[in-house]
Structures are given as C-alpha cells and as structure tokens.
C-alpha cells in the first residue's frame, strides 16, 4: 500500500512528538489550547464597544445626554433606523471610508453559513456630515434603501455630539 508524502510527513511528526512528550503532557497542552481558543471568542464580546446605532437621543444613556439632532431620513428609506453598509455606500467593505472614524462595535449571533464562528461583529463609522442634505438614502448591497448621515451618535472618544453614522460594516469573529 503506497503512502503519500503527507502521510509520511504526518507519521514522522507524530513519531517525533511521541518520543519527546508524554501522552498526559500532550493531552494537557491540547486542553489548554482548547480553553484559550474558547476564551478568545468571549474576549471579543467583552472588549467590543457598545454601539447604540439607532438614535442618539434615546432616553437613559449617559453618553447621549444633550446629544440630540438625528435627522429625518427622506421618504423611501427603510424605517427602523439602520444605516447603510459601507460596502453599499462606497463599494468596499471591511473598514471605515475616508473622512470617517470607528465609533462603536457590537457582536451578534448569526448562522454558521454566514460566519463559521456563528458570531458577527458590526462596526459603525461616524463622520461630521455637516449639511442637512448629507442625510440621504443609499441603495444597499441587498437592494434596500438605507440611511447615511441621518442618525446622530455619541461615542467614547468622540469630542462632542456632532457626529453621524455614515455607514457600518460586518466581520466574522
């Protein structure tokens, strides 16, 4: 029975490991590695900043005290307050577009067909969007009209309440 190069390499590696490491030590290392990998997903959830992306002037959030002025979106935009994705806005995703900054992120559960980990991280990108006409509808990648520069937001690290959500992007954890 001929063996492939991969089978020979695997056999050689396992022989070397077996001669240097006891079974108990090997299983202990595998267990620790498994715990570290499981904890990594938890750390992502703990370190993600809160992103209240719908309206800046919702009651009860300390950061939003005095932060009002979300703009009314033009008719035709999908209701519910969600902003357009950065990919729908600029044609590229995975990062904030120029002249915008990350202003909060959160994680949510999703199908493993969307993200193998079952966790998706959304990040808001804020910009000053100085004129009222900046608030507009943009056709997103799924064909739905969504808002850009309409939802005002306070965020940790922001110097004042003058930023609007320009877009958001998602990544798998």
N, C-alpha and C. Protein backbone atom coordinates (compact mmCIF):
# COMPACT_ATOMS: atom_id res chain seq x y z
N UNK A 1 0.85 -1.17 0.00
CA UNK A 1 0.00 0.00 0.00
C UNK A 1 0.90 1.24 0.00
N UNK A 2 0.91 2.00 -1.09
CA UNK A 2 1.76 3.18 -1.17
C UNK A 2 1.24 4.30 -0.26
N UNK A 3 2.16 5.02 0.33
CA UNK A 3 1.77 6.14 1.18
C UNK A 3 2.11 7.45 0.49
N UNK A 4 1.30 8.46 0.77
CA UNK A 4 1.54 9.76 0.16
C UNK A 4 2.60 10.51 0.97
N UNK A 5 3.07 11.59 0.41
CA UNK A 5 4.06 12.41 1.10
C UNK A 5 3.47 12.99 2.39
N UNK A 6 2.19 13.36 2.35
CA UNK A 6 1.52 13.89 3.53
C UNK A 6 1.45 12.83 4.64
N UNK A 7 1.12 11.60 4.27
CA UNK A 7 1.06 10.52 5.26
C UNK A 7 2.43 10.26 5.88
N UNK A 8 3.47 10.29 5.06
CA UNK A 8 4.82 10.06 5.59
C UNK A 8 5.23 11.19 6.52
N UNK A 9 4.92 12.43 6.15
CA UNK A 9 5.27 13.58 6.99
C UNK A 9 4.51 13.53 8.32
N UNK A 10 3.23 13.17 8.26
CA UNK A 10 2.42 13.07 9.48
C UNK A 10 2.96 11.97 10.39
N UNK A 11 3.32 10.84 9.81
CA UNK A 11 3.86 9.73 10.61
C UNK A 11 5.18 10.14 11.26
N UNK A 12 6.03 10.82 10.52
CA UNK A 12 7.32 11.26 11.06
C UNK A 12 7.13 12.26 12.19
N UNK A 13 6.21 13.21 12.01
CA UNK A 13 5.95 14.22 13.04
C UNK A 13 5.37 13.57 14.29
N UNK A 14 4.42 12.67 14.12
CA UNK A 14 3.82 12.04 15.30
C UNK A 14 4.85 11.18 16.05
N UNK A 15 5.77 10.56 15.34
CA UNK A 15 6.82 9.77 16.00
C UNK A 15 7.75 10.67 16.81
N UNK A 16 8.12 11.84 16.24
CA UNK A 16 8.97 12.79 16.97
C UNK A 16 8.28 13.32 18.21
N UNK A 17 7.00 13.70 18.07
CA UNK A 17 6.25 14.23 19.22
C UNK A 17 6.12 13.16 20.29
N UNK A 18 5.81 11.93 19.89
CA UNK A 18 5.62 10.83 20.85
C UNK A 18 6.91 10.51 21.60
N UNK A 19 8.05 10.70 20.96
CA UNK A 19 9.30 10.39 21.64
C UNK A 19 9.72 11.49 22.62
N UNK A 20 9.19 12.69 22.47
CA UNK A 20 9.59 13.81 23.33
C UNK A 20 8.55 14.21 24.37
N UNK A 21 7.27 13.88 24.13
CA UNK A 21 6.20 14.36 25.01
C UNK A 21 5.36 13.17 25.47
N UNK A 22 5.08 13.12 26.76
CA UNK A 22 4.23 12.02 27.26
C UNK A 22 2.79 12.25 26.83
N UNK A 23 2.00 11.20 26.85
CA UNK A 23 0.59 11.29 26.48
C UNK A 23 -0.14 12.28 27.38
N UNK A 24 0.13 12.19 28.69
CA UNK A 24 -0.52 13.07 29.66
C UNK A 24 -0.17 14.54 29.38
N UNK A 25 1.10 14.80 29.11
CA UNK A 25 1.53 16.17 28.83
C UNK A 25 0.90 16.68 27.53
N UNK A 26 0.85 15.83 26.52
CA UNK A 26 0.24 16.20 25.24
C UNK A 26 -1.23 16.54 25.42
N UNK A 27 -1.97 15.70 26.14
CA UNK A 27 -3.39 15.97 26.36
C UNK A 27 -3.60 17.25 27.18
N UNK A 28 -2.72 17.51 28.13
CA UNK A 28 -2.80 18.74 28.90
C UNK A 28 -2.62 19.97 28.02
N UNK A 29 -1.66 19.89 27.11
CA UNK A 29 -1.42 21.02 26.20
C UNK A 29 -2.61 21.23 25.26
N UNK A 30 -3.16 20.15 24.74
CA UNK A 30 -4.32 20.25 23.86
C UNK A 30 -5.50 20.87 24.63
N UNK A 31 -5.69 20.46 25.88
CA UNK A 31 -6.77 21.01 26.71
C UNK A 31 -6.60 22.51 26.94
N UNK A 32 -5.38 22.94 27.26
CA UNK A 32 -5.12 24.36 27.47
C UNK A 32 -5.35 25.16 26.19
N UNK A 33 -4.90 24.63 25.06
CA UNK A 33 -5.11 25.29 23.78
C UNK A 33 -6.60 25.44 23.49
N UNK A 34 -7.37 24.40 23.76
CA UNK A 34 -8.82 24.45 23.55
C UNK A 34 -9.45 25.52 24.41
N UNK A 35 -9.03 25.65 25.66
CA UNK A 35 -9.58 26.67 26.56
C UNK A 35 -9.22 28.07 26.07
N UNK A 36 -8.00 28.26 25.59
CA UNK A 36 -7.59 29.56 25.08
C UNK A 36 -8.42 29.94 23.86
N UNK A 37 -8.64 29.00 22.97
CA UNK A 37 -9.42 29.28 21.77
C UNK A 37 -10.87 29.60 22.13
N UNK A 38 -11.43 28.90 23.10
CA UNK A 38 -12.81 29.17 23.52
C UNK A 38 -12.90 30.54 24.18
N UNK A 39 -11.91 30.91 24.96
CA UNK A 39 -11.91 32.20 25.64
C UNK A 39 -11.74 33.35 24.66
N UNK A 40 -11.09 33.12 23.54
CA UNK A 40 -10.86 34.19 22.57
C UNK A 40 -12.18 34.78 22.08
N UNK A 41 -13.17 33.95 21.83
CA UNK A 41 -14.48 34.44 21.40
C UNK A 41 -15.14 35.27 22.47
N UNK A 42 -14.97 34.89 23.72
CA UNK A 42 -15.55 35.65 24.83
C UNK A 42 -14.87 37.01 24.94
N UNK A 43 -13.57 37.05 24.75
CA UNK A 43 -12.83 38.31 24.85
C UNK A 43 -13.33 39.30 23.79
N UNK A 44 -13.62 38.82 22.59
CA UNK A 44 -14.15 39.69 21.54
C UNK A 44 -15.44 40.34 22.02
N UNK A 45 -16.33 39.56 22.62
CA UNK A 45 -17.59 40.10 23.11
C UNK A 45 -17.42 41.08 24.25
N UNK A 46 -16.44 40.84 25.11
CA UNK A 46 -16.22 41.71 26.26
C UNK A 46 -15.58 43.03 25.84
N UNK A 47 -14.66 42.99 24.90
CA UNK A 47 -13.92 44.19 24.53
C UNK A 47 -14.61 45.03 23.47
N UNK A 48 -15.64 44.51 22.82
CA UNK A 48 -16.35 45.30 21.82
C UNK A 48 -17.05 46.47 22.50
N UNK A 49 -16.93 47.64 21.90
CA UNK A 49 -17.60 48.82 22.45
C UNK A 49 -19.08 48.74 22.15
N UNK A 50 -19.91 49.33 23.02
CA UNK A 50 -21.33 49.40 22.75
C UNK A 50 -21.56 50.35 21.60
N UNK A 51 -22.52 50.02 20.76
CA UNK A 51 -22.87 50.91 19.66
C UNK A 51 -24.38 50.99 19.59
N UNK A 52 -24.93 52.05 20.13
CA UNK A 52 -26.36 52.29 20.04
C UNK A 52 -26.58 53.01 18.72
N UNK A 53 -26.88 52.24 17.70
CA UNK A 53 -26.81 52.78 16.35
C UNK A 53 -28.11 53.35 15.83
N UNK A 54 -29.21 53.22 16.56
CA UNK A 54 -30.47 53.66 16.00
C UNK A 54 -30.69 55.16 16.15
N UNK A 55 -30.69 55.67 17.35
CA UNK A 55 -30.92 57.09 17.55
C UNK A 55 -30.01 57.59 18.66
N UNK A 56 -29.49 58.77 18.51
CA UNK A 56 -28.63 59.35 19.53
C UNK A 56 -29.45 59.84 20.71
N UNK A 57 -30.68 60.28 20.48
CA UNK A 57 -31.43 60.94 21.53
C UNK A 57 -32.39 60.00 22.27
N UNK A 58 -32.06 58.72 22.35
CA UNK A 58 -32.87 57.80 23.16
C UNK A 58 -32.62 58.10 24.63
N UNK A 59 -33.64 57.95 25.45
CA UNK A 59 -33.52 58.23 26.88
C UNK A 59 -32.65 57.20 27.57
N UNK A 60 -32.00 57.64 28.65
CA UNK A 60 -31.38 56.71 29.58
C UNK A 60 -29.91 56.41 29.38
N UNK A 61 -29.28 56.87 28.36
CA UNK A 61 -27.87 56.56 28.17
C UNK A 61 -27.04 57.79 28.51
N UNK A 62 -26.13 57.64 29.45
CA UNK A 62 -25.32 58.75 29.94
C UNK A 62 -24.60 59.49 28.82
N UNK A 63 -24.03 58.78 27.89
CA UNK A 63 -23.27 59.43 26.82
C UNK A 63 -24.15 60.33 25.96
N UNK A 64 -25.40 59.96 25.81
CA UNK A 64 -26.28 60.68 24.92
C UNK A 64 -26.93 61.91 25.55
N UNK A 65 -26.65 62.19 26.84
CA UNK A 65 -27.27 63.35 27.50
C UNK A 65 -26.94 64.61 26.71
N UNK A 66 -27.95 65.29 26.25
CA UNK A 66 -27.74 66.51 25.48
C UNK A 66 -27.38 66.27 24.03
N UNK A 67 -27.35 65.05 23.60
CA UNK A 67 -26.99 64.74 22.21
C UNK A 67 -28.27 64.50 21.42
N UNK A 68 -28.78 65.53 20.81
CA UNK A 68 -29.99 65.40 20.02
C UNK A 68 -29.70 65.89 18.61
N UNK A 69 -30.61 65.64 17.73
CA UNK A 69 -30.46 66.18 16.39
C UNK A 69 -30.35 65.16 15.28
N UNK A 70 -30.77 63.91 15.53
CA UNK A 70 -30.82 62.97 14.42
C UNK A 70 -31.74 63.55 13.36
N UNK A 71 -31.42 63.35 12.11
CA UNK A 71 -32.17 63.94 11.01
C UNK A 71 -33.23 62.97 10.50
N UNK A 72 -34.31 63.51 10.01
CA UNK A 72 -35.36 62.69 9.42
C UNK A 72 -34.90 62.25 8.03
N UNK A 73 -34.94 60.95 7.81
CA UNK A 73 -34.49 60.42 6.52
C UNK A 73 -35.52 60.73 5.44
N UNK A 74 -35.07 60.91 4.23
CA UNK A 74 -36.01 61.14 3.12
C UNK A 74 -36.97 59.96 2.97
N UNK A 75 -38.13 60.23 2.39
CA UNK A 75 -39.08 59.14 2.17
C UNK A 75 -38.44 58.12 1.23
N UNK A 76 -38.79 56.90 1.43
CA UNK A 76 -38.22 55.82 0.63
C UNK A 76 -37.17 55.04 1.37
N UNK A 77 -36.55 55.65 2.41
CA UNK A 77 -35.59 54.91 3.22
C UNK A 77 -36.34 53.88 4.06
N UNK A 78 -35.73 52.75 4.25
CA UNK A 78 -36.32 51.73 5.12
C UNK A 78 -36.42 52.30 6.53
N UNK A 79 -37.56 52.08 7.16
CA UNK A 79 -37.74 52.53 8.53
C UNK A 79 -37.03 51.57 9.47
N UNK A 80 -36.80 51.99 10.68
CA UNK A 80 -36.11 51.14 11.65
C UNK A 80 -34.77 51.71 12.03
N UNK A 81 -34.28 52.71 11.29
CA UNK A 81 -33.11 53.44 11.71
C UNK A 81 -31.77 52.85 11.35
N UNK A 82 -31.70 51.68 10.78
CA UNK A 82 -30.39 51.11 10.48
C UNK A 82 -29.71 51.84 9.33
N UNK A 83 -28.42 52.05 9.49
CA UNK A 83 -27.64 52.77 8.48
C UNK A 83 -27.17 51.82 7.39
N UNK A 84 -26.81 52.38 6.25
CA UNK A 84 -26.32 51.63 5.10
C UNK A 84 -24.98 50.96 5.46
N UNK A 85 -24.68 49.85 4.80
CA UNK A 85 -23.36 49.23 5.00
C UNK A 85 -22.33 50.03 4.22
N UNK A 86 -21.08 49.97 4.68
CA UNK A 86 -20.01 50.69 3.99
C UNK A 86 -19.82 50.16 2.57
N UNK A 87 -20.05 48.87 2.38
CA UNK A 87 -19.93 48.29 1.05
C UNK A 87 -21.01 48.87 0.13
N UNK A 88 -22.22 49.05 0.65
CA UNK A 88 -23.29 49.66 -0.14
C UNK A 88 -23.03 51.12 -0.44
N UNK A 89 -22.37 51.81 0.48
CA UNK A 89 -22.10 53.24 0.32
C UNK A 89 -20.92 53.51 -0.62
N UNK A 90 -19.82 52.78 -0.42
CA UNK A 90 -18.59 53.09 -1.17
C UNK A 90 -18.15 52.00 -2.14
N UNK A 91 -18.76 50.81 -2.03
CA UNK A 91 -18.34 49.69 -2.88
C UNK A 91 -17.23 48.86 -2.27
N UNK A 92 -16.71 49.28 -1.12
CA UNK A 92 -15.71 48.49 -0.40
C UNK A 92 -16.15 48.34 1.04
N UNK A 93 -15.96 47.18 1.60
CA UNK A 93 -16.35 46.92 2.98
C UNK A 93 -15.15 46.56 3.82
N UNK A 94 -15.40 46.28 5.10
CA UNK A 94 -14.34 45.83 5.98
C UNK A 94 -13.55 46.93 6.64
N UNK A 95 -13.89 48.18 6.37
CA UNK A 95 -13.20 49.31 7.01
C UNK A 95 -14.05 50.56 6.85
N UNK A 96 -13.75 51.55 7.67
CA UNK A 96 -14.46 52.83 7.55
C UNK A 96 -13.92 53.59 6.34
N UNK A 97 -14.80 54.26 5.60
CA UNK A 97 -14.32 55.04 4.45
C UNK A 97 -13.53 56.26 4.91
N UNK A 98 -12.85 56.90 4.00
CA UNK A 98 -12.07 58.09 4.35
C UNK A 98 -12.98 59.15 4.95
N UNK A 99 -12.41 59.99 5.79
CA UNK A 99 -13.12 61.06 6.49
C UNK A 99 -14.19 60.53 7.44
N UNK A 100 -14.01 59.32 7.96
CA UNK A 100 -14.89 58.78 8.99
C UNK A 100 -14.04 57.99 9.98
N UNK A 101 -14.60 57.75 11.16
CA UNK A 101 -13.87 57.03 12.20
C UNK A 101 -14.76 55.94 12.79
N UNK A 102 -14.11 54.90 13.33
CA UNK A 102 -14.86 53.87 14.05
C UNK A 102 -15.47 54.51 15.28
N UNK A 103 -16.75 54.25 15.52
CA UNK A 103 -17.40 54.89 16.66
C UNK A 103 -18.29 53.91 17.43
N UNK A 104 -17.88 52.67 17.48
CA UNK A 104 -18.61 51.67 18.27
C UNK A 104 -18.75 50.38 17.50
N UNK A 105 -18.80 49.28 18.24
CA UNK A 105 -19.00 47.98 17.61
C UNK A 105 -19.73 47.07 18.57
N UNK A 106 -20.32 46.03 18.05
CA UNK A 106 -21.05 45.06 18.86
C UNK A 106 -21.04 43.73 18.13
N UNK A 107 -21.31 42.67 18.86
CA UNK A 107 -21.34 41.36 18.24
C UNK A 107 -22.74 40.78 18.36
N UNK A 108 -23.06 39.91 17.42
CA UNK A 108 -24.36 39.24 17.46
C UNK A 108 -24.20 37.83 16.91
N UNK A 109 -25.14 37.00 17.25
CA UNK A 109 -25.13 35.62 16.75
C UNK A 109 -25.67 35.60 15.33
N UNK A 110 -25.13 34.69 14.55
CA UNK A 110 -25.61 34.54 13.18
C UNK A 110 -25.48 33.08 12.79
N UNK A 111 -26.00 32.75 11.65
CA UNK A 111 -25.91 31.39 11.14
C UNK A 111 -24.45 31.06 10.82
N UNK A 112 -24.08 29.81 11.03
CA UNK A 112 -22.72 29.40 10.68
C UNK A 112 -22.50 29.40 9.17
N UNK A 113 -23.58 29.50 8.39
CA UNK A 113 -23.41 29.65 6.94
C UNK A 113 -22.98 31.08 6.59
N UNK A 114 -23.23 32.05 7.51
CA UNK A 114 -22.79 33.42 7.32
C UNK A 114 -21.37 33.59 7.86
N UNK A 115 -21.15 33.15 9.10
CA UNK A 115 -19.83 33.18 9.74
C UNK A 115 -19.60 31.81 10.38
N UNK A 116 -18.49 31.20 10.08
CA UNK A 116 -18.21 29.86 10.60
C UNK A 116 -18.25 29.83 12.13
N UNK A 117 -17.87 30.93 12.77
CA UNK A 117 -17.86 31.00 14.23
C UNK A 117 -19.26 31.17 14.81
N UNK A 118 -20.23 31.58 13.98
CA UNK A 118 -21.57 31.86 14.47
C UNK A 118 -21.68 33.24 15.12
N UNK A 119 -20.61 34.05 15.02
CA UNK A 119 -20.61 35.40 15.61
C UNK A 119 -20.17 36.41 14.57
N UNK A 120 -20.93 37.49 14.48
CA UNK A 120 -20.63 38.57 13.56
C UNK A 120 -20.41 39.84 14.36
N UNK A 121 -19.39 40.62 14.00
CA UNK A 121 -19.10 41.88 14.68
C UNK A 121 -19.43 43.03 13.72
N UNK A 122 -20.32 43.92 14.16
CA UNK A 122 -20.70 45.10 13.38
C UNK A 122 -19.97 46.31 13.93
N UNK A 123 -19.50 47.18 13.08
CA UNK A 123 -18.80 48.40 13.48
C UNK A 123 -19.43 49.60 12.78
N UNK A 124 -19.76 50.64 13.55
CA UNK A 124 -20.28 51.89 12.99
C UNK A 124 -19.12 52.79 12.61
N UNK A 125 -19.28 53.53 11.53
CA UNK A 125 -18.31 54.53 11.09
C UNK A 125 -19.01 55.89 11.12
N UNK A 126 -18.46 56.84 11.89
CA UNK A 126 -19.07 58.15 12.06
C UNK A 126 -18.28 59.22 11.31
N UNK A 127 -19.01 60.25 10.90
CA UNK A 127 -18.41 61.41 10.22
C UNK A 127 -19.20 62.64 10.63
N UNK A 128 -18.67 63.81 10.35
CA UNK A 128 -19.36 65.04 10.75
C UNK A 128 -20.61 65.28 9.93
N UNK A 129 -20.65 64.91 8.66
CA UNK A 129 -21.85 65.05 7.82
C UNK A 129 -22.49 66.42 8.05
N UNK A 130 -21.74 67.49 7.83
CA UNK A 130 -22.11 68.82 8.29
C UNK A 130 -23.42 69.37 7.75
N UNK A 131 -23.77 69.11 6.52
CA UNK A 131 -25.00 69.71 6.00
C UNK A 131 -26.18 68.76 6.13
N UNK A 132 -27.37 69.34 6.30
CA UNK A 132 -28.59 68.53 6.44
C UNK A 132 -28.82 67.68 5.20
N UNK A 133 -28.35 68.15 4.04
CA UNK A 133 -28.55 67.39 2.81
C UNK A 133 -27.67 66.13 2.76
N UNK A 134 -26.73 66.00 3.72
CA UNK A 134 -25.92 64.78 3.80
C UNK A 134 -26.79 63.58 4.13
N UNK A 135 -27.89 63.81 4.85
CA UNK A 135 -28.81 62.74 5.22
C UNK A 135 -29.57 62.32 3.97
N UNK A 136 -29.31 61.09 3.54
CA UNK A 136 -29.93 60.61 2.31
C UNK A 136 -30.09 59.10 2.33
N UNK A 137 -30.79 58.58 1.37
CA UNK A 137 -30.97 57.14 1.22
C UNK A 137 -29.97 56.62 0.20
N UNK A 138 -29.41 55.46 0.49
CA UNK A 138 -28.46 54.82 -0.42
C UNK A 138 -28.91 53.37 -0.61
N UNK A 139 -28.90 52.89 -1.84
CA UNK A 139 -29.28 51.51 -2.10
C UNK A 139 -28.16 50.61 -1.61
N UNK A 140 -28.51 49.76 -0.63
CA UNK A 140 -27.53 48.87 -0.01
C UNK A 140 -27.29 47.64 -0.90
N UNK A 141 -26.36 46.81 -0.51
CA UNK A 141 -25.99 45.64 -1.31
C UNK A 141 -27.13 44.65 -1.46
N UNK A 142 -28.11 44.69 -0.55
CA UNK A 142 -29.28 43.80 -0.66
C UNK A 142 -30.44 44.45 -1.41
N UNK A 143 -30.22 45.65 -1.96
CA UNK A 143 -31.23 46.35 -2.73
C UNK A 143 -32.15 47.25 -1.92
N UNK A 144 -32.02 47.25 -0.60
CA UNK A 144 -32.86 48.06 0.27
C UNK A 144 -32.26 49.46 0.42
N UNK A 145 -33.12 50.49 0.41
CA UNK A 145 -32.66 51.86 0.63
C UNK A 145 -32.46 52.08 2.12
N UNK A 146 -31.23 52.45 2.52
CA UNK A 146 -30.91 52.69 3.93
C UNK A 146 -30.28 54.06 4.10
N UNK A 147 -30.28 54.54 5.33
CA UNK A 147 -29.80 55.88 5.67
C UNK A 147 -28.29 55.99 5.72
N UNK A 148 -27.80 57.17 5.39
CA UNK A 148 -26.43 57.57 5.67
C UNK A 148 -26.47 59.00 6.18
N UNK A 149 -25.68 59.30 7.20
CA UNK A 149 -25.58 60.64 7.79
C UNK A 149 -26.90 61.17 8.35
N UNK A 150 -27.75 60.28 8.83
CA UNK A 150 -29.03 60.69 9.41
C UNK A 150 -29.06 60.47 10.92
N UNK A 151 -28.44 59.39 11.39
CA UNK A 151 -28.51 59.02 12.80
C UNK A 151 -27.33 59.61 13.56
N UNK A 152 -27.61 60.53 14.47
CA UNK A 152 -26.57 61.17 15.27
C UNK A 152 -26.13 60.22 16.38
N UNK A 153 -24.86 60.33 16.78
CA UNK A 153 -24.34 59.38 17.75
C UNK A 153 -23.25 59.99 18.60
N UNK A 154 -23.32 59.72 19.90
CA UNK A 154 -22.21 59.99 20.82
C UNK A 154 -21.42 58.69 20.93
N UNK A 155 -20.14 58.79 21.11
CA UNK A 155 -19.35 57.57 21.28
C UNK A 155 -18.13 57.88 22.12
N UNK A 156 -17.62 56.86 22.75
CA UNK A 156 -16.43 57.01 23.58
C UNK A 156 -15.29 57.45 22.67
N UNK A 157 -14.62 58.51 23.04
CA UNK A 157 -13.53 59.02 22.22
C UNK A 157 -13.96 60.18 21.34
N UNK A 158 -15.28 60.35 21.16
CA UNK A 158 -15.76 61.48 20.37
C UNK A 158 -15.70 62.74 21.21
N UNK A 159 -15.29 63.83 20.60
CA UNK A 159 -15.10 65.06 21.37
C UNK A 159 -16.41 65.78 21.64
N UNK A 160 -17.41 65.56 20.83
CA UNK A 160 -18.69 66.22 21.04
C UNK A 160 -19.78 65.41 20.37
N UNK A 161 -20.94 65.99 20.31
CA UNK A 161 -22.09 65.28 19.75
C UNK A 161 -22.38 65.71 18.32
N UNK A 162 -21.37 65.86 17.51
CA UNK A 162 -21.59 66.38 16.16
C UNK A 162 -21.37 65.31 15.09
N UNK A 163 -21.34 64.05 15.48
CA UNK A 163 -21.07 63.01 14.50
C UNK A 163 -22.32 62.20 14.17
N UNK A 164 -22.39 61.79 12.92
CA UNK A 164 -23.49 60.97 12.43
C UNK A 164 -22.93 59.65 11.92
N UNK A 165 -23.75 58.62 11.96
CA UNK A 165 -23.32 57.32 11.43
C UNK A 165 -23.35 57.41 9.90
N UNK A 166 -22.18 57.27 9.31
CA UNK A 166 -22.09 57.32 7.85
C UNK A 166 -22.42 55.95 7.25
N UNK A 167 -21.86 54.89 7.87
CA UNK A 167 -22.13 53.53 7.40
C UNK A 167 -21.67 52.56 8.48
N UNK A 168 -21.86 51.28 8.25
CA UNK A 168 -21.40 50.24 9.16
C UNK A 168 -20.92 49.03 8.34
N UNK A 169 -20.01 48.28 8.95
CA UNK A 169 -19.53 47.08 8.26
C UNK A 169 -19.50 45.91 9.23
N UNK A 170 -19.51 44.71 8.68
CA UNK A 170 -19.54 43.49 9.48
C UNK A 170 -18.32 42.63 9.17
N UNK A 171 -17.84 41.93 10.19
CA UNK A 171 -16.77 40.95 10.04
C UNK A 171 -17.11 39.75 10.89
N UNK A 172 -16.63 38.60 10.50
CA UNK A 172 -16.83 37.39 11.30
C UNK A 172 -15.79 37.35 12.40
N UNK A 173 -16.23 36.92 13.58
CA UNK A 173 -15.31 36.82 14.72
C UNK A 173 -14.44 35.59 14.58
